[in-house]
C-alpha atoms as a PDB file:
ATOM      1  CA  UNK A   1       0.480 -26.095  -7.652  1.00  0.00           C
ATOM      2  CA  UNK A   2       1.000 -22.630  -9.093  1.00  0.00           C
ATOM      3  CA  UNK A   3       4.520 -21.965 -10.301  1.00  0.00           C
ATOM      4  CA  UNK A   4       6.113 -18.529 -10.527  1.00  0.00           C
ATOM      5  CA  UNK A   5       9.328 -17.609 -12.186  1.00  0.00           C
ATOM      6  CA  UNK A   6      11.508 -14.993 -10.487  1.00  0.00           C
ATOM      7  CA  UNK A   7      10.331 -12.180 -12.804  1.00  0.00           C
ATOM      8  CA  UNK A   8       6.639 -12.877 -12.128  1.00  0.00           C
ATOM      9  CA  UNK A   9       7.314 -12.967  -8.398  1.00  0.00           C
ATOM     10  CA  UNK A  10       9.162  -9.647  -8.593  1.00  0.00           C
ATOM     11  CA  UNK A  11       6.328  -8.064 -10.590  1.00  0.00           C
ATOM     12  CA  UNK A  12       3.718  -9.307  -8.107  1.00  0.00           C
ATOM     13  CA  UNK A  13       5.765  -8.135  -5.121  1.00  0.00           C
ATOM     14  CA  UNK A  14       6.318  -4.656  -6.564  1.00  0.00           C
ATOM     15  CA  UNK A  15       2.673  -4.312  -7.602  1.00  0.00           C
ATOM     16  CA  UNK A  16       1.533  -5.377  -4.143  1.00  0.00           C
ATOM     17  CA  UNK A  17       3.955  -2.929  -2.516  1.00  0.00           C
ATOM     18  CA  UNK A  18       2.703  -0.027  -4.608  1.00  0.00           C
ATOM     19  CA  UNK A  19      -0.985  -0.872  -4.176  1.00  0.00           C
ATOM     20  CA  UNK A  20      -0.488  -1.163  -0.409  1.00  0.00           C
ATOM     21  CA  UNK A  21       1.259   2.203  -0.229  1.00  0.00           C
ATOM     22  CA  UNK A  22      -1.448   3.765  -2.373  1.00  0.00           C
ATOM     23  CA  UNK A  23      -4.191   2.579  -0.036  1.00  0.00           C
ATOM     24  CA  UNK A  24      -2.467   3.227   3.301  1.00  0.00           C
ATOM     25  CA  UNK A  25      -0.527   6.450   2.671  1.00  0.00           C
ATOM     26  CA  UNK A  26      -1.213   8.286  -0.578  1.00  0.00           C
ATOM     27  CA  UNK A  27      -3.361  11.425  -0.511  1.00  0.00           C
ATOM     28  CA  UNK A  28      -5.376  10.334  -3.542  1.00  0.00           C
ATOM     29  CA  UNK A  29      -6.938   7.510  -1.482  1.00  0.00           C
ATOM     30  CA  UNK A  30      -7.759   9.650   1.557  1.00  0.00           C
ATOM     31  CA  UNK A  31     -11.462   9.430   0.666  1.00  0.00           C
ATOM     32  CA  UNK A  32     -11.248   5.658   1.265  1.00  0.00           C
ATOM     33  CA  UNK A  33      -9.573   6.001   4.679  1.00  0.00           C
ATOM     34  CA  UNK A  34     -11.454   9.064   5.944  1.00  0.00           C
ATOM     35  CA  UNK A  35     -14.592   7.266   7.255  1.00  0.00           C
ATOM     36  CA  UNK A  36     -12.385   4.904   9.267  1.00  0.00           C
ATOM     37  CA  UNK A  37      -9.283   6.806  10.420  1.00  0.00           C
ATOM     38  CA  UNK A  38      -8.061  10.323  10.986  1.00  0.00           C
ATOM     39  CA  UNK A  39      -4.422  11.260  10.559  1.00  0.00           C
ATOM     40  CA  UNK A  40      -2.583  14.132  12.182  1.00  0.00           C
ATOM     41  CA  UNK A  41       1.032  15.198  12.099  1.00  0.00           C
ATOM     42  CA  UNK A  42       3.172  16.588  14.908  1.00  0.00           C
ATOM     43  CA  UNK A  43       6.795  17.623  15.066  1.00  0.00           C
ATOM     44  CA  UNK A  44       9.030  16.425  17.869  1.00  0.00           C
ATOM     45  CA  UNK A  45      11.898  18.341  19.509  1.00  0.00           C
ATOM     46  CA  UNK A  46      14.370  17.177  16.843  1.00  0.00           C
ATOM     47  CA  UNK A  47      12.146  18.403  13.997  1.00  0.00           C
ATOM     48  CA  UNK A  48      11.032  14.923  12.950  1.00  0.00           C
ATOM     49  CA  UNK A  49       7.465  14.794  11.654  1.00  0.00           C
ATOM     50  CA  UNK A  50       5.428  12.105  13.392  1.00  0.00           C
ATOM     51  CA  UNK A  51       2.311  10.657  11.759  1.00  0.00           C
ATOM     52  CA  UNK A  52      -0.424   9.853  14.274  1.00  0.00           C
ATOM     53  CA  UNK A  53      -3.351   7.680  13.225  1.00  0.00           C
ATOM     54  CA  UNK A  54      -6.608   7.614  15.188  1.00  0.00           C
ATOM     55  CA  UNK A  55      -9.010   4.781  14.423  1.00  0.00           C
ATOM     56  CA  UNK A  56     -12.666   5.796  14.454  1.00  0.00           C
ATOM     57  CA  UNK A  57     -15.844   3.943  15.341  1.00  0.00           C
ATOM     58  CA  UNK A  58     -16.489   0.497  16.739  1.00  0.00           C
ATOM     59  CA  UNK A  59     -17.150  -2.960  15.373  1.00  0.00           C
ATOM     60  CA  UNK A  60     -16.588  -3.427  11.643  1.00  0.00           C
ATOM     61  CA  UNK A  61     -15.769   0.266  11.183  1.00  0.00           C
ATOM     62  CA  UNK A  62     -12.986  -0.032  13.772  1.00  0.00           C
ATOM     63  CA  UNK A  63     -11.722  -3.250  12.174  1.00  0.00           C
ATOM     64  CA  UNK A  64     -11.530  -1.622   8.735  1.00  0.00           C
ATOM     65  CA  UNK A  65      -9.802   1.395  10.293  1.00  0.00           C
ATOM     66  CA  UNK A  66      -7.259  -0.900  11.906  1.00  0.00           C
ATOM     67  CA  UNK A  67      -6.679  -2.617   8.573  1.00  0.00           C
ATOM     68  CA  UNK A  68      -6.294   0.660   6.660  1.00  0.00           C
ATOM     69  CA  UNK A  69      -3.880   2.103   9.221  1.00  0.00           C
ATOM     70  CA  UNK A  70      -1.456  -0.837   9.042  1.00  0.00           C
ATOM     71  CA  UNK A  71       0.659  -1.364   5.928  1.00  0.00           C
ATOM     72  CA  UNK A  72       1.528  -4.896   7.063  1.00  0.00           C
ATOM     73  CA  UNK A  73      -2.168  -5.825   7.351  1.00  0.00           C
ATOM     74  CA  UNK A  74      -3.258  -4.096   4.163  1.00  0.00           C
ATOM     75  CA  UNK A  75      -0.261  -5.596   2.377  1.00  0.00           C
ATOM     76  CA  UNK A  76      -1.525  -9.142   2.922  1.00  0.00           C
ATOM     77  CA  UNK A  77      -4.912  -8.307   1.374  1.00  0.00           C
ATOM     78  CA  UNK A  78      -3.297  -6.374  -1.479  1.00  0.00           C
ATOM     79  CA  UNK A  79      -0.963  -9.277  -2.194  1.00  0.00           C
ATOM     80  CA  UNK A  80      -3.919 -11.671  -2.344  1.00  0.00           C
ATOM     81  CA  UNK A  81      -5.780  -9.311  -4.692  1.00  0.00           C
ATOM     82  CA  UNK A  82      -2.776  -8.833  -6.984  1.00  0.00           C
ATOM     83  CA  UNK A  83      -2.088 -12.578  -7.173  1.00  0.00           C
ATOM     84  CA  UNK A  84      -5.778 -13.318  -7.812  1.00  0.00           C
ATOM     85  CA  UNK A  85      -5.909 -10.752 -10.617  1.00  0.00           C
ATOM     86  CA  UNK A  86      -2.661 -12.095 -12.088  1.00  0.00           C
ATOM     87  CA  UNK A  87      -3.939 -15.686 -12.236  1.00  0.00           C
ATOM     88  CA  UNK A  88      -7.703 -15.399 -12.618  1.00  0.00           C
ATOM     89  CA  UNK A  89      -8.210 -12.172 -14.582  1.00  0.00           C
ATOM     90  CA  UNK A  90      -5.202 -12.106 -16.915  1.00  0.00           C
ATOM     91  CA  UNK A  91      -6.754  -9.398 -19.080  1.00  0.00           C
ATOM     92  CA  UNK A  92      -5.910  -7.025 -16.168  1.00  0.00           C
ATOM     93  CA  UNK A  93      -2.235  -8.039 -16.037  1.00  0.00           C
ATOM     94  CA  UNK A  94      -1.148  -4.780 -17.705  1.00  0.00           C
ATOM     95  CA  UNK A  95      -2.511  -2.968 -14.628  1.00  0.00           C
ATOM     96  CA  UNK A  96      -0.438  -5.260 -12.399  1.00  0.00           C
ATOM     97  CA  UNK A  97       2.630  -4.367 -14.462  1.00  0.00           C
ATOM     98  CA  UNK A  98       1.823  -0.636 -14.176  1.00  0.00           C
ATOM     99  CA  UNK A  99       1.687  -0.973 -10.387  1.00  0.00           C
ATOM    100  CA  UNK A 100       5.008  -2.847 -10.463  1.00  0.00           C
ATOM    101  CA  UNK A 101       6.658  -0.122 -12.550  1.00  0.00           C
ATOM    102  CA  UNK A 102       5.210   2.510 -10.200  1.00  0.00           C
ATOM    103  CA  UNK A 103       6.625   0.517  -7.294  1.00  0.00           C
ATOM    104  CA  UNK A 104      10.093   0.604  -8.830  1.00  0.00           C
ATOM    105  CA  UNK A 105       9.733   4.349  -9.425  1.00  0.00           C
ATOM    106  CA  UNK A 106       8.683   4.876  -5.792  1.00  0.00           C
ATOM    107  CA  UNK A 107      11.674   2.917  -4.507  1.00  0.00           C
ATOM    108  CA  UNK A 108      14.080   4.833  -6.765  1.00  0.00           C
ATOM    109  CA  UNK A 109      12.561   8.175  -5.696  1.00  0.00           C
ATOM    110  CA  UNK A 110      12.805   7.234  -2.005  1.00  0.00           C
ATOM    111  CA  UNK A 111      16.426   6.199  -2.467  1.00  0.00           C
ATOM    112  CA  UNK A 112      17.322   9.406  -4.283  1.00  0.00           C
ATOM    113  CA  UNK A 113      15.574  11.626  -1.714  1.00  0.00           C
ATOM    114  CA  UNK A 114      17.524   9.990   1.112  1.00  0.00           C
ATOM    115  CA  UNK A 115      20.804  10.549  -0.753  1.00  0.00           C
ATOM    116  CA  UNK A 116      20.234  14.314  -1.034  1.00  0.00           C
END
């Protein structure tokens, strides 16, 4: 049985959160999503911007598009990857910590933007 202390669990959760957001939403990873999904933005009557995702293709291409368009789905795979790296490739643990720190920064930034 693998045991985690609370700090390791927090680091893994934050790293998984940030990696998931990077893959599903961030512009820098658009090249990864582009073959599988297209994203457009519209504004409703109240001025709220709505993100619309259109999944492309069929078969495996459609499945990957579905995965990449859903942060809940991608999050499961990212969590498995982060945990696997943490336990089986410990030399890469500094990268896990960087993602965790970036996750904290993203949460702080989101909080501060909503307060303004």
